C-alpha atoms as a PDB file:
ATOM      1  CA  MET A   1      58.266 -88.403  21.468  1.00  0.00           C
ATOM      2  CA  LYS A   2      61.160 -90.131  23.206  1.00  0.00           C
ATOM      3  CA  GLU A   3      64.017 -91.989  21.579  1.00  0.00           C
ATOM      4  CA  ILE A   4      65.433 -95.171  23.080  1.00  0.00           C
ATOM      5  CA  THR A   5      68.242 -97.541  22.155  1.00  0.00           C
ATOM      6  CA  ILE A   6      67.653-101.280  21.935  1.00  0.00           C
ATOM      7  CA  ARG A   7      70.500-103.738  21.525  1.00  0.00           C
ATOM      8  CA  LEU A   8      69.719-106.759  19.330  1.00  0.00           C
ATOM      9  CA  SER A   9      71.829-109.704  18.309  1.00  0.00           C
ATOM     10  CA  ASP A  10      72.709-109.853  14.623  1.00  0.00           C
ATOM     11  CA  ALA A  11      70.290-112.760  14.201  1.00  0.00           C
ATOM     12  CA  ASP A  12      67.416-110.890  15.907  1.00  0.00           C
ATOM     13  CA  TYR A  13      68.094-107.792  13.808  1.00  0.00           C
ATOM     14  CA  ALA A  14      68.111-109.858  10.600  1.00  0.00           C
ATOM     15  CA  SER A  15      64.836-111.504  11.630  1.00  0.00           C
ATOM     16  CA  MET A  16      63.203-108.151  12.341  1.00  0.00           C
ATOM     17  CA  GLU A  17      64.557-106.715   9.094  1.00  0.00           C
ATOM     18  CA  GLU A  18      62.961-109.602   7.194  1.00  0.00           C
ATOM     19  CA  ARG A  19      59.628-109.228   8.997  1.00  0.00           C
ATOM     20  CA  ALA A  20      59.525-105.426   8.644  1.00  0.00           C
ATOM     21  CA  ARG A  21      58.305-105.744   5.031  1.00  0.00           C
ATOM     22  CA  GLY A  22      59.087-102.297   3.672  1.00  0.00           C
ATOM     23  CA  ARG A  23      59.323-100.534   7.010  1.00  0.00           C
ATOM     24  CA  THR A  24      62.516 -99.749   8.822  1.00  0.00           C
ATOM     25  CA  VAL A  25      63.532-102.043  11.654  1.00  0.00           C
ATOM     26  CA  GLU A  26      62.967 -99.103  14.011  1.00  0.00           C
ATOM     27  CA  GLU A  27      59.385 -98.620  12.761  1.00  0.00           C
ATOM     28  CA  PHE A  28      58.699-102.341  13.008  1.00  0.00           C
ATOM     29  CA  ALA A  29      60.157-102.553  16.535  1.00  0.00           C
ATOM     30  CA  ALA A  30      57.990 -99.611  17.633  1.00  0.00           C
ATOM     31  CA  GLU A  31      54.872-101.340  16.244  1.00  0.00           C
ATOM     32  CA  VAL A  32      55.760-104.572  18.038  1.00  0.00           C
ATOM     33  CA  ILE A  33      56.253-102.717  21.326  1.00  0.00           C
ATOM     34  CA  ARG A  34      52.965-100.789  20.906  1.00  0.00           C
ATOM     35  CA  ALA A  35      51.105-104.039  20.141  1.00  0.00           C
ATOM     36  CA  GLU A  36      52.606-105.738  23.195  1.00  0.00           C
ATOM     37  CA  ILE A  37      51.580-102.867  25.453  1.00  0.00           C
ATOM     38  CA  ALA A  38      48.065-102.815  23.967  1.00  0.00           C
ATOM     39  CA  ALA A  39      47.763-106.587  24.418  1.00  0.00           C
ATOM     40  CA  GLU A  40      48.245-106.154  28.164  1.00  0.00           C
ATOM     41  CA  ASP A  41      45.057-104.035  28.325  1.00  0.00           C
ATOM     42  CA  PRO A  42      42.142-106.512  28.366  1.00  0.00           C
ATOM     43  CA  ASP A  43      39.742-103.812  27.146  1.00  0.00           C
ATOM     44  CA  SER A  44      41.862-102.881  24.107  1.00  0.00           C
ATOM     45  CA  PHE A  45      41.684-104.662  20.779  1.00  0.00           C
ATOM     46  CA  ASP A  46      43.776-102.084  18.927  1.00  0.00           C
ATOM     47  CA  HIS A  47      46.654-104.541  18.556  1.00  0.00           C
ATOM     48  CA  ILE A  48      44.370-106.870  16.593  1.00  0.00           C
ATOM     49  CA  PHE A  49      42.662-104.355  14.343  1.00  0.00           C
ATOM     50  CA  THR A  50      45.712-103.032  12.523  1.00  0.00           C
ATOM     51  CA  PRO A  51      45.269-100.939   9.365  1.00  0.00           C
ATOM     52  CA  GLU A  52      46.270-103.981   7.311  1.00  0.00           C
ATOM     53  CA  TYR A  53      43.706-106.192   9.060  1.00  0.00           C
ATOM     54  CA  LEU A  54      40.959-103.587   8.658  1.00  0.00           C
ATOM     55  CA  ALA A  55      41.802-103.282   4.941  1.00  0.00           C
ATOM     56  CA  LYS A  56      41.469-107.065   4.608  1.00  0.00           C
ATOM     57  CA  LEU A  57      38.068-106.959   6.324  1.00  0.00           C
ATOM     58  CA  GLU A  58      36.967-104.194   3.946  1.00  0.00           C
ATOM     59  CA  GLU A  59      38.136-106.288   0.993  1.00  0.00           C
ATOM     60  CA  ILE A  60      36.165-109.297   2.218  1.00  0.00           C
ATOM     61  CA  SER A  61      33.091-107.151   2.812  1.00  0.00           C
ATOM     62  CA  ALA A  62      33.277-105.667  -0.697  1.00  0.00           C
ATOM     63  CA  GLU A  63      33.649-109.156  -2.192  1.00  0.00           C
ATOM     64  CA  MET A  64      30.609-110.350  -0.286  1.00  0.00           C
ATOM     65  CA  ASP A  65      28.628-107.322  -1.496  1.00  0.00           C
ATOM     66  CA  ARG A  66      29.603-108.081  -5.112  1.00  0.00           C
ATOM     67  CA  GLU A  67      28.752-111.753  -4.840  1.00  0.00           C
ATOM     68  CA  GLY A  68      25.639-111.379  -2.735  1.00  0.00           C
ATOM     69  CA  GLY A  69      27.026-113.067   0.361  1.00  0.00           C
ATOM     70  CA  LEU A  70      25.741-116.325   1.796  1.00  0.00           C
ATOM     71  CA  THR A  71      22.257-117.341   2.766  1.00  0.00           C
ATOM     72  CA  PRO A  72      21.737-118.413   6.385  1.00  0.00           C
ATOM     73  CA  ALA A  73      21.485-122.033   5.207  1.00  0.00           C
ATOM     74  CA  GLN A  74      24.787-121.774   3.306  1.00  0.00           C
ATOM     75  CA  MET A  75      26.437-120.218   6.341  1.00  0.00           C
ATOM     76  CA  GLU A  76      25.180-123.000   8.614  1.00  0.00           C
ATOM     77  CA  GLU A  77      26.400-125.606   6.127  1.00  0.00           C
ATOM     78  CA  ALA A  78      29.860-123.986   5.985  1.00  0.00           C
ATOM     79  CA  LEU A  79      30.045-123.783   9.778  1.00  0.00           C
ATOM     80  CA  GLU A  80      29.025-127.422  10.152  1.00  0.00           C
ATOM     81  CA  GLU A  81      31.697-128.479   7.653  1.00  0.00           C
ATOM     82  CA  THR A  82      34.304-126.499   9.602  1.00  0.00           C
ATOM     83  CA  ARG A  83      33.139-128.104  12.859  1.00  0.00           C
ATOM     84  CA  ARG A  84      33.320-131.565  11.297  1.00  0.00           C
ATOM     85  CA  LYS A  85      36.888-130.987  10.061  1.00  0.00           C
ATOM     86  CA  TRP A  86      37.966-129.553  13.425  1.00  0.00           C
ATOM     87  CA  ARG A  87      36.494-132.474  15.350  1.00  0.00           C
ATOM     88  CA  ALA A  88      38.111-134.993  12.994  1.00  0.00           C
ATOM     89  CA  LYS A  89      41.485-133.279  13.398  1.00  0.00           C
ATOM     90  CA  HIS A  90      41.275-132.977  17.191  1.00  0.00           C
ATOM     91  CA  SER A  91      39.700-136.295  18.149  1.00  0.00           C
ATOM     92  CA  ALA A  92      42.212-138.880  19.154  1.00  0.00           C
END
C-alpha cells in the first residue's frame, strides 16, 4: 500500500468530513478515488454496488419475501403509474 498527500481547502475538507459519516476523511477520500477509477472502466460496476447498496438490496429482498412481493399485474400497474408521472413531469 502506498501513502499519498492531498492538499484540500478548508471548505473541501469540511465538506468531506461531513460526508464521511463515521469514517475518517482519509478513508472517505480513498473510497471516492477508488470509485472514480472504477467508474472509468465500462465493464466494472463495483463503484455502484457498494456494501451499503448491497445491504439495502438485501433489505428490500427480505421485505418482499415477508410480504409476498407483487403480482405481475401489480408490477405493471406500478410501472405504468411511474411512467405517467414521469411523462407529466417531463412534457412541456
